[in-house]
Amino acid sequence: MNQHKKFNSGQEHEQIVESQTTQNSVQEFSSVEQLLRHDADRTAAPASIEQRLKKSSADFPQPSRPWWKRLFQ
């Protein structure tokens, strides 16, 4: 009966290890930009930084219209 119990605990251990390996999957990126985009999608910026960025970007002048839009209108 002890052997049977050890066998079951061994099976449980194998199942736990298998589930951990599937959760810890490795993801490879072909470029640094893809890595940064992946990280940015999953990481929220603090509210104070968002407010500072909005405030500082509001001071930038609006870009002028492209020459081809001015030409055709």
C-alpha atoms as a PDB file:
ATOM      1  CA  MET A   1       0.000   0.000   0.000  1.00  0.00           C
ATOM      2  CA  ASN A   2       2.931   2.349   0.693  1.00  0.00           C
ATOM      3  CA  GLN A   3       4.289   1.713  -2.792  1.00  0.00           C
ATOM      4  CA  HIS A   4       0.946   2.625  -4.271  1.00  0.00           C
ATOM      5  CA  LYS A   5       0.851   5.842  -2.254  1.00  0.00           C
ATOM      6  CA  LYS A   6       4.390   6.741  -3.337  1.00  0.00           C
ATOM      7  CA  PHE A   7       3.440   6.100  -6.942  1.00  0.00           C
ATOM      8  CA  ASN A   8       0.479   8.449  -6.668  1.00  0.00           C
ATOM      9  CA  SER A   9       2.567  11.190  -5.067  1.00  0.00           C
ATOM     10  CA  GLY A  10       5.120  10.729  -7.850  1.00  0.00           C
ATOM     11  CA  GLN A  11       2.395  11.133 -10.434  1.00  0.00           C
ATOM     12  CA  GLU A  12       1.149  14.248  -8.682  1.00  0.00           C
ATOM     13  CA  HIS A  13       4.673  15.648  -8.642  1.00  0.00           C
ATOM     14  CA  GLU A  14       5.049  15.002 -12.380  1.00  0.00           C
ATOM     15  CA  GLN A  15       1.725  16.719 -13.070  1.00  0.00           C
ATOM     16  CA  ILE A  16       2.755  19.733 -11.010  1.00  0.00           C
ATOM     17  CA  VAL A  17       6.103  19.976 -12.798  1.00  0.00           C
ATOM     18  CA  GLU A  18       4.386  19.705 -16.189  1.00  0.00           C
ATOM     19  CA  SER A  19       1.893  22.433 -15.321  1.00  0.00           C
ATOM     20  CA  GLN A  20       4.701  24.693 -14.103  1.00  0.00           C
ATOM     21  CA  THR A  21       6.699  24.214 -17.286  1.00  0.00           C
ATOM     22  CA  THR A  22       3.713  25.077 -19.448  1.00  0.00           C
ATOM     23  CA  GLN A  23       3.088  28.223 -17.414  1.00  0.00           C
ATOM     24  CA  ASN A  24       6.722  29.312 -17.688  1.00  0.00           C
ATOM     25  CA  SER A  25       6.838  29.279 -21.461  1.00  0.00           C
ATOM     26  CA  VAL A  26       9.617  31.241 -23.086  1.00  0.00           C
ATOM     27  CA  GLN A  27       8.721  33.833 -25.675  1.00  0.00           C
ATOM     28  CA  GLU A  28      11.293  34.973 -28.195  1.00  0.00           C
ATOM     29  CA  PHE A  29      11.210  38.272 -30.064  1.00  0.00           C
ATOM     30  CA  SER A  30      12.779  39.022 -33.405  1.00  0.00           C
ATOM     31  CA  SER A  31      13.534  42.638 -32.518  1.00  0.00           C
ATOM     32  CA  VAL A  32      13.902  44.917 -29.550  1.00  0.00           C
ATOM     33  CA  GLU A  33      10.879  46.925 -30.680  1.00  0.00           C
ATOM     34  CA  GLN A  34       8.650  43.853 -30.434  1.00  0.00           C
ATOM     35  CA  LEU A  35       9.947  43.179 -26.935  1.00  0.00           C
ATOM     36  CA  LEU A  36       9.216  46.747 -25.857  1.00  0.00           C
ATOM     37  CA  ARG A  37       5.714  46.673 -27.379  1.00  0.00           C
ATOM     38  CA  HIS A  38       4.994  43.365 -25.641  1.00  0.00           C
ATOM     39  CA  ASP A  39       6.178  44.771 -22.333  1.00  0.00           C
ATOM     40  CA  ALA A  40       4.253  48.028 -22.765  1.00  0.00           C
ATOM     41  CA  ASP A  41       1.026  46.126 -23.426  1.00  0.00           C
ATOM     42  CA  ARG A  42       1.364  44.290 -20.130  1.00  0.00           C
ATOM     43  CA  THR A  43       2.779  47.055 -17.929  1.00  0.00           C
ATOM     44  CA  ALA A  44       0.664  49.982 -16.806  1.00  0.00           C
ATOM     45  CA  ALA A  45       2.368  53.336 -16.359  1.00  0.00           C
ATOM     46  CA  PRO A  46       1.817  55.108 -13.043  1.00  0.00           C
ATOM     47  CA  ALA A  47      -0.863  57.809 -13.115  1.00  0.00           C
ATOM     48  CA  SER A  48       1.618  60.550 -12.186  1.00  0.00           C
ATOM     49  CA  ILE A  49       3.783  59.766 -15.213  1.00  0.00           C
ATOM     50  CA  GLU A  50       0.760  59.704 -17.537  1.00  0.00           C
ATOM     51  CA  GLN A  51      -0.305  63.145 -16.303  1.00  0.00           C
ATOM     52  CA  ARG A  52       3.194  64.580 -16.760  1.00  0.00           C
ATOM     53  CA  LEU A  53       3.419  63.179 -20.299  1.00  0.00           C
ATOM     54  CA  LYS A  54       0.027  64.615 -21.271  1.00  0.00           C
ATOM     55  CA  LYS A  55       0.966  67.998 -19.833  1.00  0.00           C
ATOM     56  CA  SER A  56       4.342  68.136 -21.579  1.00  0.00           C
ATOM     57  CA  SER A  57       3.025  66.879 -24.917  1.00  0.00           C
ATOM     58  CA  ALA A  58       0.239  69.492 -24.920  1.00  0.00           C
ATOM     59  CA  ASP A  59       2.919  72.180 -25.325  1.00  0.00           C
ATOM     60  CA  PHE A  60       4.139  70.769 -28.662  1.00  0.00           C
ATOM     61  CA  PRO A  61       2.941  72.622 -31.758  1.00  0.00           C
ATOM     62  CA  GLN A  62       0.671  70.759 -34.151  1.00  0.00           C
ATOM     63  CA  PRO A  63       2.524  69.442 -37.217  1.00  0.00           C
ATOM     64  CA  SER A  64       1.891  71.262 -40.458  1.00  0.00           C
ATOM     65  CA  ARG A  65      -0.062  69.555 -43.209  1.00  0.00           C
ATOM     66  CA  PRO A  66       2.029  67.421 -45.563  1.00  0.00           C
ATOM     67  CA  TRP A  67       2.949  69.016 -48.884  1.00  0.00           C
ATOM     68  CA  TRP A  68       0.937  66.486 -50.865  1.00  0.00           C
ATOM     69  CA  LYS A  69      -2.253  67.322 -48.943  1.00  0.00           C
ATOM     70  CA  ARG A  70      -1.681  71.051 -49.540  1.00  0.00           C
ATOM     71  CA  LEU A  71      -1.078  70.387 -53.223  1.00  0.00           C
ATOM     72  CA  PHE A  72      -4.290  68.403 -53.819  1.00  0.00           C
ATOM     73  CA  GLN A  73      -6.629  70.673 -51.860  1.00  0.00           C
END
